[in-house]
Amino acid sequence: MKCFYHLPGLFEFYELYKVFLPLFYNHREYFYDWCEIGSIYGAPDDCIWGGGRVGFGDESSKNVAALMQKYNISSRLTFSNSLVEEEHLLDKKCNMLCQLFEHNGESKNGIIIYSDLLLEFLKNRYPDFYYISSTTKVLTDFDDFENELNRKDFSFVVPDFRLNKEFDRLNSLTQEQKDKVEFLCNECCWFDCYDRKKCYENVSRKSLGEDCEEHICVSPTADRGYRFSDAMKNPGFIGIDDILNVYIPNGFKNFKIEGRGLGSALILEFLLYYMTKPEYQLKVREEIYLDSMLDIF
């Protein structure tokens, strides 16, 4: 059984993926044969339906769509704003993105979503997308999470990372439910955070262009910023040994890598750790840093 990684920065890390994807598909010997790219997700700048993180990346949407089509990769638009109202539904830029990506390439494309209002609008207007229930819902109660899994609207559900190790309940799910679970692997947020939903709401307000105060993170290590080494110490962290020896044997196959807003250099470290065989990590790093001749870092 293979696992599928859902990677960050559809628009933000276009230049990195333009170099990485040929390596991944033309030199599969460099990479683990038990993993595939399930999708790449993101939203561009000034996207009012965006959520989770403020949108990054100003690469041409047509260039992004062409790259995903070339490698037959599912694109996911992160339209997870929790505060969408009727007045926002006809936003020109967001609807244009839907028109572009709904039928782009052979792979079916998806939308990561929070708002039921937006969900119903999109289902009616763009019927060929699939939908992912966003981790920004902060589903920390397992019963709520299981109810979300049972909703026919969603092909995938991303639970709050604090449910990642609830194996008694996770392993009792049906295989149909397990196929819909998408674990967030490398979250660096404080495991005991009680303010996560407010943090996401603040991002939603910013995406809508509201003049709001910056959310102050309650994490004791917030001033350090994201560190992969810190994320690895998080009780909810899922590493490759966990994926191979715990999750895949128990029927789980979808894993989301966070990283929007973190920069290409750190994203590359995620791609090396999660997808690249140790003996080829230096080679892949050198090919991207030294041979691409692109200023992507």
C-alpha atoms as a PDB file:
ATOM      1  CA  MET A   1       0.000   0.000   0.000  1.00  0.00           C
ATOM      2  CA  LYS A   2       1.277   3.452  -0.916  1.00  0.00           C
ATOM      3  CA  CYS A   3       0.805   6.745   0.848  1.00  0.00           C
ATOM      4  CA  PHE A   4      -0.056  10.056  -0.743  1.00  0.00           C
ATOM      5  CA  TYR A   5       1.483  13.341   0.307  1.00  0.00           C
ATOM      6  CA  HIS A   6      -0.427  16.588  -0.037  1.00  0.00           C
ATOM      7  CA  LEU A   7       2.161  19.337  -0.425  1.00  0.00           C
ATOM      8  CA  PRO A   8       2.011  23.078   0.338  1.00  0.00           C
ATOM      9  CA  GLY A   9       2.461  26.172  -1.792  1.00  0.00           C
ATOM     10  CA  LEU A  10       0.680  25.633  -5.123  1.00  0.00           C
ATOM     11  CA  PHE A  11       1.348  29.239  -6.125  1.00  0.00           C
ATOM     12  CA  GLU A  12       3.962  30.243  -3.567  1.00  0.00           C
ATOM     13  CA  PHE A  13       6.518  27.541  -4.409  1.00  0.00           C
ATOM     14  CA  TYR A  14       5.932  27.288  -8.152  1.00  0.00           C
ATOM     15  CA  GLU A  15       9.618  27.829  -8.946  1.00  0.00           C
ATOM     16  CA  LEU A  16      10.670  25.092  -6.509  1.00  0.00           C
ATOM     17  CA  TYR A  17       8.150  22.587  -7.846  1.00  0.00           C
ATOM     18  CA  LYS A  18       9.142  23.425 -11.411  1.00  0.00           C
ATOM     19  CA  VAL A  19      12.574  22.013 -10.540  1.00  0.00           C
ATOM     20  CA  PHE A  20      11.567  19.311  -8.040  1.00  0.00           C
ATOM     21  CA  LEU A  21       8.803  17.618 -10.035  1.00  0.00           C
ATOM     22  CA  PRO A  22      11.037  16.604 -12.994  1.00  0.00           C
ATOM     23  CA  LEU A  23      13.441  15.050 -10.492  1.00  0.00           C
ATOM     24  CA  PHE A  24      10.657  13.186  -8.745  1.00  0.00           C
ATOM     25  CA  TYR A  25       9.074  11.774 -11.878  1.00  0.00           C
ATOM     26  CA  ASN A  26      12.220  11.197 -13.991  1.00  0.00           C
ATOM     27  CA  HIS A  27      14.418   9.799 -11.191  1.00  0.00           C
ATOM     28  CA  ARG A  28      12.109   7.712  -9.061  1.00  0.00           C
ATOM     29  CA  GLU A  29      15.158   5.775  -7.862  1.00  0.00           C
ATOM     30  CA  TYR A  30      15.981   8.824  -5.703  1.00  0.00           C
ATOM     31  CA  PHE A  31      12.665   8.602  -3.873  1.00  0.00           C
ATOM     32  CA  TYR A  32      10.769   6.100  -1.750  1.00  0.00           C
ATOM     33  CA  ASP A  33       8.651   3.821  -3.928  1.00  0.00           C
ATOM     34  CA  TRP A  34       5.922   3.710  -1.275  1.00  0.00           C
ATOM     35  CA  CYS A  35       4.936   7.367  -1.648  1.00  0.00           C
ATOM     36  CA  GLU A  36       3.288   9.488  -4.324  1.00  0.00           C
ATOM     37  CA  ILE A  37       2.235  13.107  -4.624  1.00  0.00           C
ATOM     38  CA  GLY A  38      -1.484  13.202  -3.943  1.00  0.00           C
ATOM     39  CA  SER A  39      -1.926  16.922  -4.502  1.00  0.00           C
ATOM     40  CA  ILE A  40      -0.378  20.359  -4.137  1.00  0.00           C
ATOM     41  CA  TYR A  41      -2.488  22.948  -2.339  1.00  0.00           C
ATOM     42  CA  GLY A  42      -2.547  26.698  -1.904  1.00  0.00           C
ATOM     43  CA  ALA A  43      -4.094  30.030  -2.825  1.00  0.00           C
ATOM     44  CA  PRO A  44      -2.530  33.129  -4.386  1.00  0.00           C
ATOM     45  CA  ASP A  45      -2.230  36.624  -2.967  1.00  0.00           C
ATOM     46  CA  ASP A  46      -5.413  38.631  -2.411  1.00  0.00           C
ATOM     47  CA  CYS A  47      -7.728  35.648  -2.433  1.00  0.00           C
ATOM     48  CA  ILE A  48     -10.656  36.517  -0.154  1.00  0.00           C
ATOM     49  CA  TRP A  49     -11.896  32.917   0.131  1.00  0.00           C
ATOM     50  CA  GLY A  50      -8.462  31.905   1.388  1.00  0.00           C
ATOM     51  CA  GLY A  51      -7.827  30.685   4.925  1.00  0.00           C
ATOM     52  CA  GLY A  52      -5.448  28.806   7.189  1.00  0.00           C
ATOM     53  CA  ARG A  53      -2.586  31.062   6.152  1.00  0.00           C
ATOM     54  CA  VAL A  54      -2.693  34.387   4.351  1.00  0.00           C
ATOM     55  CA  GLY A  55      -2.278  33.649   0.652  1.00  0.00           C
ATOM     56  CA  PHE A  56       1.230  33.807  -0.749  1.00  0.00           C
ATOM     57  CA  GLY A  57       2.527  33.691  -4.285  1.00  0.00           C
ATOM     58  CA  ASP A  58       1.936  35.854  -7.330  1.00  0.00           C
ATOM     59  CA  GLU A  59       2.851  33.318 -10.008  1.00  0.00           C
ATOM     60  CA  SER A  60       0.527  33.332 -13.013  1.00  0.00           C
ATOM     61  CA  SER A  61      -2.411  31.015 -12.369  1.00  0.00           C
ATOM     62  CA  LYS A  62      -2.112  29.750 -15.949  1.00  0.00           C
ATOM     63  CA  ASN A  63       1.539  28.799 -15.388  1.00  0.00           C
ATOM     64  CA  VAL A  64       0.626  26.947 -12.190  1.00  0.00           C
ATOM     65  CA  ALA A  65      -2.245  25.132 -13.913  1.00  0.00           C
ATOM     66  CA  ALA A  66       0.031  24.153 -16.808  1.00  0.00           C
ATOM     67  CA  LEU A  67       2.650  22.694 -14.445  1.00  0.00           C
ATOM     68  CA  MET A  68       0.058  20.632 -12.589  1.00  0.00           C
ATOM     69  CA  GLN A  69      -1.404  19.446 -15.887  1.00  0.00           C
ATOM     70  CA  LYS A  70       2.017  18.458 -17.202  1.00  0.00           C
ATOM     71  CA  TYR A  71       2.632  16.102 -14.274  1.00  0.00           C
ATOM     72  CA  ASN A  72      -1.013  15.104 -13.814  1.00  0.00           C
ATOM     73  CA  ILE A  73      -1.101  16.329 -10.209  1.00  0.00           C
ATOM     74  CA  SER A  74      -4.293  17.233  -8.408  1.00  0.00           C
ATOM     75  CA  SER A  75      -4.472  20.939  -7.531  1.00  0.00           C
ATOM     76  CA  ARG A  76      -6.255  21.996  -4.358  1.00  0.00           C
ATOM     77  CA  LEU A  77      -7.427  25.541  -3.770  1.00  0.00           C
ATOM     78  CA  THR A  78      -7.361  26.504  -0.093  1.00  0.00           C
ATOM     79  CA  PHE A  79     -10.706  28.261   0.199  1.00  0.00           C
ATOM     80  CA  SER A  80     -10.971  27.685   3.942  1.00  0.00           C
ATOM     81  CA  ASN A  81     -12.057  31.149   5.040  1.00  0.00           C
ATOM     82  CA  SER A  82     -14.510  30.638   7.914  1.00  0.00           C
ATOM     83  CA  LEU A  83     -16.169  34.063   7.597  1.00  0.00           C
ATOM     84  CA  VAL A  84     -17.423  34.045   4.002  1.00  0.00           C
ATOM     85  CA  GLU A  85     -20.780  35.796   3.550  1.00  0.00           C
ATOM     86  CA  GLU A  86     -23.221  35.976   0.639  1.00  0.00           C
ATOM     87  CA  GLU A  87     -21.616  39.221  -0.512  1.00  0.00           C
ATOM     88  CA  HIS A  88     -18.299  37.443  -1.079  1.00  0.00           C
ATOM     89  CA  LEU A  89     -19.563  34.569  -3.236  1.00  0.00           C
ATOM     90  CA  LEU A  90     -19.288  36.378  -6.575  1.00  0.00           C
ATOM     91  CA  ASP A  91     -15.687  37.493  -6.030  1.00  0.00           C
ATOM     92  CA  LYS A  92     -14.153  37.699  -9.483  1.00  0.00           C
ATOM     93  CA  LYS A  93     -10.686  36.381  -8.693  1.00  0.00           C
ATOM     94  CA  CYS A  94     -11.850  33.349  -6.723  1.00  0.00           C
ATOM     95  CA  ASN A  95     -14.427  32.384  -9.323  1.00  0.00           C
ATOM     96  CA  MET A  96     -11.847  32.777 -12.073  1.00  0.00           C
ATOM     97  CA  LEU A  97      -9.562  30.347 -10.218  1.00  0.00           C
ATOM     98  CA  CYS A  98     -12.409  27.854 -10.017  1.00  0.00           C
ATOM     99  CA  GLN A  99     -13.074  28.180 -13.729  1.00  0.00           C
ATOM    100  CA  LEU A 100      -9.410  27.581 -14.508  1.00  0.00           C
ATOM    101  CA  PHE A 101      -8.819  24.612 -12.219  1.00  0.00           C
ATOM    102  CA  GLU A 102     -12.130  22.744 -12.316  1.00  0.00           C
ATOM    103  CA  HIS A 103     -11.237  20.886 -15.508  1.00  0.00           C
ATOM    104  CA  ASN A 104      -7.467  21.349 -15.598  1.00  0.00           C
ATOM    105  CA  GLY A 105      -5.794  18.130 -16.726  1.00  0.00           C
ATOM    106  CA  GLU A 106      -6.785  14.516 -16.230  1.00  0.00           C
ATOM    107  CA  SER A 107      -6.576  14.605 -12.429  1.00  0.00           C
ATOM    108  CA  LYS A 108      -9.639  15.706 -10.529  1.00  0.00           C
ATOM    109  CA  ASN A 109      -8.968  18.882  -8.592  1.00  0.00           C
ATOM    110  CA  GLY A 110     -10.116  19.803  -5.106  1.00  0.00           C
ATOM    111  CA  ILE A 111     -11.072  22.623  -2.781  1.00  0.00           C
ATOM    112  CA  ILE A 112     -10.135  22.764   0.908  1.00  0.00           C
ATOM    113  CA  ILE A 113     -13.073  24.348   2.649  1.00  0.00           C
ATOM    114  CA  TYR A 114     -14.556  25.470   5.946  1.00  0.00           C
ATOM    115  CA  SER A 115     -17.747  27.406   5.172  1.00  0.00           C
ATOM    116  CA  ASP A 116     -20.903  25.414   4.394  1.00  0.00           C
ATOM    117  CA  LEU A 117     -22.262  28.505   2.639  1.00  0.00           C
ATOM    118  CA  LEU A 118     -19.301  28.531   0.252  1.00  0.00           C
ATOM    119  CA  LEU A 119     -19.469  24.743  -0.105  1.00  0.00           C
ATOM    120  CA  GLU A 120     -23.071  24.827  -1.344  1.00  0.00           C
ATOM    121  CA  PHE A 121     -22.276  27.682  -3.730  1.00  0.00           C
ATOM    122  CA  LEU A 122     -19.312  25.825  -5.215  1.00  0.00           C
ATOM    123  CA  LYS A 123     -21.119  22.495  -5.494  1.00  0.00           C
ATOM    124  CA  ASN A 124     -23.833  24.124  -7.562  1.00  0.00           C
ATOM    125  CA  ARG A 125     -21.606  26.275  -9.744  1.00  0.00           C
ATOM    126  CA  TYR A 126     -18.539  24.017 -10.137  1.00  0.00           C
ATOM    127  CA  PRO A 127     -19.797  20.430  -9.729  1.00  0.00           C
ATOM    128  CA  ASP A 128     -16.601  18.640 -10.756  1.00  0.00           C
ATOM    129  CA  PHE A 129     -14.401  19.572  -7.787  1.00  0.00           C
ATOM    130  CA  TYR A 130     -13.940  17.282  -4.801  1.00  0.00           C
ATOM    131  CA  TYR A 131     -13.880  18.765  -1.297  1.00  0.00           C
ATOM    132  CA  ILE A 132     -11.610  18.515   1.723  1.00  0.00           C
ATOM    133  CA  SER A 133     -12.839  19.490   5.184  1.00  0.00           C
ATOM    134  CA  SER A 134     -10.212  21.897   6.480  1.00  0.00           C
ATOM    135  CA  THR A 135      -8.116  21.421   9.595  1.00  0.00           C
ATOM    136  CA  THR A 136      -9.024  25.043  10.389  1.00  0.00           C
ATOM    137  CA  LYS A 137     -12.273  23.678  11.839  1.00  0.00           C
ATOM    138  CA  VAL A 138     -10.068  22.489  14.736  1.00  0.00           C
ATOM    139  CA  LEU A 139     -11.870  19.177  15.192  1.00  0.00           C
ATOM    140  CA  THR A 140     -10.336  18.087  18.496  1.00  0.00           C
ATOM    141  CA  ASP A 141     -13.317  16.025  19.659  1.00  0.00           C
ATOM    142  CA  PHE A 142     -13.164  12.609  18.014  1.00  0.00           C
ATOM    143  CA  ASP A 143     -16.939  12.286  17.768  1.00  0.00           C
ATOM    144  CA  ASP A 144     -17.098  15.581  15.846  1.00  0.00           C
ATOM    145  CA  PHE A 145     -14.311  14.370  13.596  1.00  0.00           C
ATOM    146  CA  GLU A 146     -16.083  11.081  12.907  1.00  0.00           C
ATOM    147  CA  ASN A 147     -19.304  12.921  12.095  1.00  0.00           C
ATOM    148  CA  GLU A 148     -17.340  14.978   9.584  1.00  0.00           C
ATOM    149  CA  LEU A 149     -15.976  11.788   8.027  1.00  0.00           C
ATOM    150  CA  ASN A 150     -19.520  10.566   7.550  1.00  0.00           C
ATOM    151  CA  ARG A 151     -20.566  13.637   5.562  1.00  0.00           C
ATOM    152  CA  LYS A 152     -20.932  12.749   1.888  1.00  0.00           C
ATOM    153  CA  ASP A 153     -19.767  16.222   0.869  1.00  0.00           C
ATOM    154  CA  PHE A 154     -16.155  15.459   1.710  1.00  0.00           C
ATOM    155  CA  SER A 155     -13.648  13.187  -0.013  1.00  0.00           C
ATOM    156  CA  PHE A 156     -11.097  13.939   2.724  1.00  0.00           C
ATOM    157  CA  VAL A 157     -11.187  15.306   6.261  1.00  0.00           C
ATOM    158  CA  VAL A 158      -8.126  16.793   7.990  1.00  0.00           C
ATOM    159  CA  PRO A 159      -8.464  16.405  11.768  1.00  0.00           C
ATOM    160  CA  ASP A 160      -6.762  18.646  14.255  1.00  0.00           C
ATOM    161  CA  PHE A 161      -3.209  17.373  14.705  1.00  0.00           C
ATOM    162  CA  ARG A 162      -3.963  16.531  18.340  1.00  0.00           C
ATOM    163  CA  LEU A 163      -6.010  13.558  17.157  1.00  0.00           C
ATOM    164  CA  ASN A 164      -3.067  12.099  15.224  1.00  0.00           C
ATOM    165  CA  LYS A 165      -2.180   9.563  17.913  1.00  0.00           C
ATOM    166  CA  GLU A 166      -5.697   8.605  19.086  1.00  0.00           C
ATOM    167  CA  PHE A 167      -5.088   5.093  17.825  1.00  0.00           C
ATOM    168  CA  ASP A 168      -7.851   3.344  19.768  1.00  0.00           C
ATOM    169  CA  ARG A 169     -10.464   5.428  17.989  1.00  0.00           C
ATOM    170  CA  LEU A 170      -8.606   5.803  14.690  1.00  0.00           C
ATOM    171  CA  ASN A 171      -8.086   2.077  14.247  1.00  0.00           C
ATOM    172  CA  SER A 172     -11.761   1.399  14.961  1.00  0.00           C
ATOM    173  CA  LEU A 173     -12.820   3.412  11.892  1.00  0.00           C
ATOM    174  CA  THR A 174     -14.093   1.556   8.844  1.00  0.00           C
ATOM    175  CA  GLN A 175     -11.782   1.337   5.847  1.00  0.00           C
ATOM    176  CA  GLU A 176     -14.060   3.725   3.970  1.00  0.00           C
ATOM    177  CA  GLN A 177     -13.585   6.259   6.762  1.00  0.00           C
ATOM    178  CA  LYS A 178      -9.819   5.646   6.944  1.00  0.00           C
ATOM    179  CA  ASP A 179      -9.506   6.387   3.238  1.00  0.00           C
ATOM    180  CA  LYS A 180     -10.914   9.863   3.917  1.00  0.00           C
ATOM    181  CA  VAL A 181      -8.573  10.737   6.812  1.00  0.00           C
ATOM    182  CA  GLU A 182      -5.746  13.106   5.914  1.00  0.00           C
ATOM    183  CA  PHE A 183      -3.266  13.603   8.754  1.00  0.00           C
ATOM    184  CA  LEU A 184      -1.371  16.865   9.242  1.00  0.00           C
ATOM    185  CA  CYS A 185       2.155  15.558   9.835  1.00  0.00           C
ATOM    186  CA  ASN A 186       4.505  18.377  10.734  1.00  0.00           C
ATOM    187  CA  GLU A 187       2.517  20.904  12.761  1.00  0.00           C
ATOM    188  CA  CYS A 188       4.715  23.065  14.985  1.00  0.00           C
ATOM    189  CA  CYS A 189       1.870  24.693  16.916  1.00  0.00           C
ATOM    190  CA  TRP A 190       1.904  24.187  20.676  1.00  0.00           C
ATOM    191  CA  PHE A 191       0.150  20.890  21.434  1.00  0.00           C
ATOM    192  CA  ASP A 192      -1.741  22.453  24.358  1.00  0.00           C
ATOM    193  CA  CYS A 193      -2.824  25.535  22.402  1.00  0.00           C
ATOM    194  CA  TYR A 194      -6.306  26.694  23.397  1.00  0.00           C
ATOM    195  CA  ASP A 195      -6.418  29.592  20.918  1.00  0.00           C
ATOM    196  CA  ARG A 196      -5.947  27.835  17.571  1.00  0.00           C
ATOM    197  CA  LYS A 197      -9.418  28.598  16.242  1.00  0.00           C
ATOM    198  CA  LYS A 198      -9.001  32.319  16.988  1.00  0.00           C
ATOM    199  CA  CYS A 199      -5.701  32.256  15.118  1.00  0.00           C
ATOM    200  CA  TYR A 200      -7.399  30.864  12.007  1.00  0.00           C
ATOM    201  CA  GLU A 201     -10.258  33.350  12.365  1.00  0.00           C
ATOM    202  CA  ASN A 202      -7.734  36.180  12.386  1.00  0.00           C
ATOM    203  CA  VAL A 203      -6.331  34.903   9.076  1.00  0.00           C
ATOM    204  CA  SER A 204      -9.866  34.772   7.641  1.00  0.00           C
ATOM    205  CA  ARG A 205     -10.421  38.414   8.597  1.00  0.00           C
ATOM    206  CA  LYS A 206      -7.136  39.435   6.980  1.00  0.00           C
ATOM    207  CA  SER A 207      -8.045  37.568   3.781  1.00  0.00           C
ATOM    208  CA  LEU A 208     -11.289  39.512   3.631  1.00  0.00           C
ATOM    209  CA  GLY A 209      -9.296  42.725   3.903  1.00  0.00           C
ATOM    210  CA  GLU A 210     -10.499  43.641   7.375  1.00  0.00           C
ATOM    211  CA  ASP A 211      -8.360  45.969   9.437  1.00  0.00           C
ATOM    212  CA  CYS A 212      -7.738  43.768  12.452  1.00  0.00           C
ATOM    213  CA  GLU A 213      -5.054  43.424  15.081  1.00  0.00           C
ATOM    214  CA  GLU A 214      -2.368  40.782  14.690  1.00  0.00           C
ATOM    215  CA  HIS A 215      -3.200  37.590  16.550  1.00  0.00           C
ATOM    216  CA  ILE A 216      -0.697  36.972  19.337  1.00  0.00           C
ATOM    217  CA  CYS A 217       0.228  33.293  19.512  1.00  0.00           C
ATOM    218  CA  VAL A 218       0.065  31.777  22.983  1.00  0.00           C
ATOM    219  CA  SER A 219       2.744  29.186  22.267  1.00  0.00           C
ATOM    220  CA  PRO A 220       5.764  29.445  24.592  1.00  0.00           C
ATOM    221  CA  THR A 221       8.052  29.075  21.548  1.00  0.00           C
ATOM    222  CA  ALA A 222       6.174  31.429  19.196  1.00  0.00           C
ATOM    223  CA  ASP A 223       9.064  33.893  19.073  1.00  0.00           C
ATOM    224  CA  ARG A 224      11.289  31.209  17.481  1.00  0.00           C
ATOM    225  CA  GLY A 225       9.065  30.841  14.437  1.00  0.00           C
ATOM    226  CA  TYR A 226       8.670  27.508  12.692  1.00  0.00           C
ATOM    227  CA  ARG A 227      11.499  25.022  13.295  1.00  0.00           C
ATOM    228  CA  PHE A 228      11.292  21.527  11.829  1.00  0.00           C
ATOM    229  CA  SER A 229      13.336  20.301  14.778  1.00  0.00           C
ATOM    230  CA  ASP A 230      10.644  21.673  17.109  1.00  0.00           C
ATOM    231  CA  ALA A 231       7.880  20.093  15.042  1.00  0.00           C
ATOM    232  CA  MET A 232       9.582  16.707  15.371  1.00  0.00           C
ATOM    233  CA  LYS A 233       9.268  16.973  19.170  1.00  0.00           C
ATOM    234  CA  ASN A 234       5.546  17.714  18.976  1.00  0.00           C
ATOM    235  CA  PRO A 235       3.434  14.850  20.416  1.00  0.00           C
ATOM    236  CA  GLY A 236       1.325  14.969  17.254  1.00  0.00           C
ATOM    237  CA  PHE A 237       4.277  14.727  14.843  1.00  0.00           C
ATOM    238  CA  ILE A 238       4.104  11.985  12.223  1.00  0.00           C
ATOM    239  CA  GLY A 239       7.472  10.920  10.842  1.00  0.00           C
ATOM    240  CA  ILE A 240       8.295   8.451   8.090  1.00  0.00           C
ATOM    241  CA  ASP A 241       8.784   5.584  10.562  1.00  0.00           C
ATOM    242  CA  ASP A 242       5.276   6.252  11.895  1.00  0.00           C
ATOM    243  CA  ILE A 243       3.866   6.307   8.378  1.00  0.00           C
ATOM    244  CA  LEU A 244       5.551   3.062   7.372  1.00  0.00           C
ATOM    245  CA  ASN A 245       5.146   1.083  10.582  1.00  0.00           C
ATOM    246  CA  VAL A 246       1.929   2.405  12.122  1.00  0.00           C
ATOM    247  CA  TYR A 247      -0.347   4.310   9.765  1.00  0.00           C
ATOM    248  CA  ILE A 248      -0.001   2.392   6.487  1.00  0.00           C
ATOM    249  CA  PRO A 249      -0.349  -1.056   8.167  1.00  0.00           C
ATOM    250  CA  ASN A 250      -3.545   0.191   9.817  1.00  0.00           C
ATOM    251  CA  GLY A 251      -5.063   1.344   6.525  1.00  0.00           C
ATOM    252  CA  PHE A 252      -4.266   5.086   6.432  1.00  0.00           C
ATOM    253  CA  LYS A 253      -2.679   6.560   3.333  1.00  0.00           C
ATOM    254  CA  ASN A 254      -3.117  10.362   3.164  1.00  0.00           C
ATOM    255  CA  PHE A 255      -0.686  12.774   4.788  1.00  0.00           C
ATOM    256  CA  LYS A 256      -0.610  16.548   4.592  1.00  0.00           C
ATOM    257  CA  ILE A 257       2.625  18.520   4.877  1.00  0.00           C
ATOM    258  CA  GLU A 258       2.172  22.067   6.133  1.00  0.00           C
ATOM    259  CA  GLY A 259       4.490  24.839   5.026  1.00  0.00           C
ATOM    260  CA  ARG A 260       2.790  27.778   3.350  1.00  0.00           C
ATOM    261  CA  GLY A 261       4.647  30.936   4.273  1.00  0.00           C
ATOM    262  CA  LEU A 262       7.773  29.115   5.474  1.00  0.00           C
ATOM    263  CA  GLY A 263      10.016  29.604   2.436  1.00  0.00           C
ATOM    264  CA  SER A 264      11.390  27.291  -0.250  1.00  0.00           C
ATOM    265  CA  ALA A 265      14.460  26.182   1.706  1.00  0.00           C
ATOM    266  CA  LEU A 266      12.361  24.701   4.496  1.00  0.00           C
ATOM    267  CA  ILE A 267       9.904  23.121   2.054  1.00  0.00           C
ATOM    268  CA  LEU A 268      12.833  21.402   0.390  1.00  0.00           C
ATOM    269  CA  GLU A 269      13.816  19.917   3.769  1.00  0.00           C
ATOM    270  CA  PHE A 270      10.306  18.474   4.071  1.00  0.00           C
ATOM    271  CA  LEU A 271      10.551  16.986   0.578  1.00  0.00           C
ATOM    272  CA  LEU A 272      13.913  15.462   1.426  1.00  0.00           C
ATOM    273  CA  TYR A 273      12.803  14.032   4.775  1.00  0.00           C
ATOM    274  CA  TYR A 274       9.415  12.655   3.759  1.00  0.00           C
ATOM    275  CA  MET A 275      10.050  11.555   0.167  1.00  0.00           C
ATOM    276  CA  THR A 276      13.759  11.156  -0.584  1.00  0.00           C
ATOM    277  CA  LYS A 277      15.917   8.143   0.210  1.00  0.00           C
ATOM    278  CA  PRO A 278      18.731   9.147   2.605  1.00  0.00           C
ATOM    279  CA  GLU A 279      21.471   8.167   0.159  1.00  0.00           C
ATOM    280  CA  TYR A 280      20.046  10.560  -2.453  1.00  0.00           C
ATOM    281  CA  GLN A 281      19.161  13.519  -0.263  1.00  0.00           C
ATOM    282  CA  LEU A 282      22.413  15.355  -0.885  1.00  0.00           C
ATOM    283  CA  LYS A 283      22.139  14.736  -4.615  1.00  0.00           C
ATOM    284  CA  VAL A 284      18.599  16.097  -4.774  1.00  0.00           C
ATOM    285  CA  ARG A 285      19.566  19.076  -2.637  1.00  0.00           C
ATOM    286  CA  GLU A 286      22.556  19.827  -4.909  1.00  0.00           C
ATOM    287  CA  GLU A 287      20.513  19.470  -8.084  1.00  0.00           C
ATOM    288  CA  ILE A 288      17.970  21.949  -6.810  1.00  0.00           C
ATOM    289  CA  TYR A 289      20.408  24.406  -5.213  1.00  0.00           C
ATOM    290  CA  LEU A 290      23.259  24.210  -7.701  1.00  0.00           C
ATOM    291  CA  ASP A 291      21.961  22.910 -11.022  1.00  0.00           C
ATOM    292  CA  SER A 292      18.623  24.642 -11.351  1.00  0.00           C
ATOM    293  CA  MET A 293      20.213  28.068 -11.852  1.00  0.00           C
ATOM    294  CA  LEU A 294      17.016  29.512 -10.382  1.00  0.00           C
ATOM    295  CA  ASP A 295      16.905  32.045  -7.602  1.00  0.00           C
ATOM    296  CA  ILE A 296      14.287  30.200  -5.564  1.00  0.00           C
ATOM    297  CA  PHE A 297      15.813  30.405  -2.112  1.00  0.00           C
END
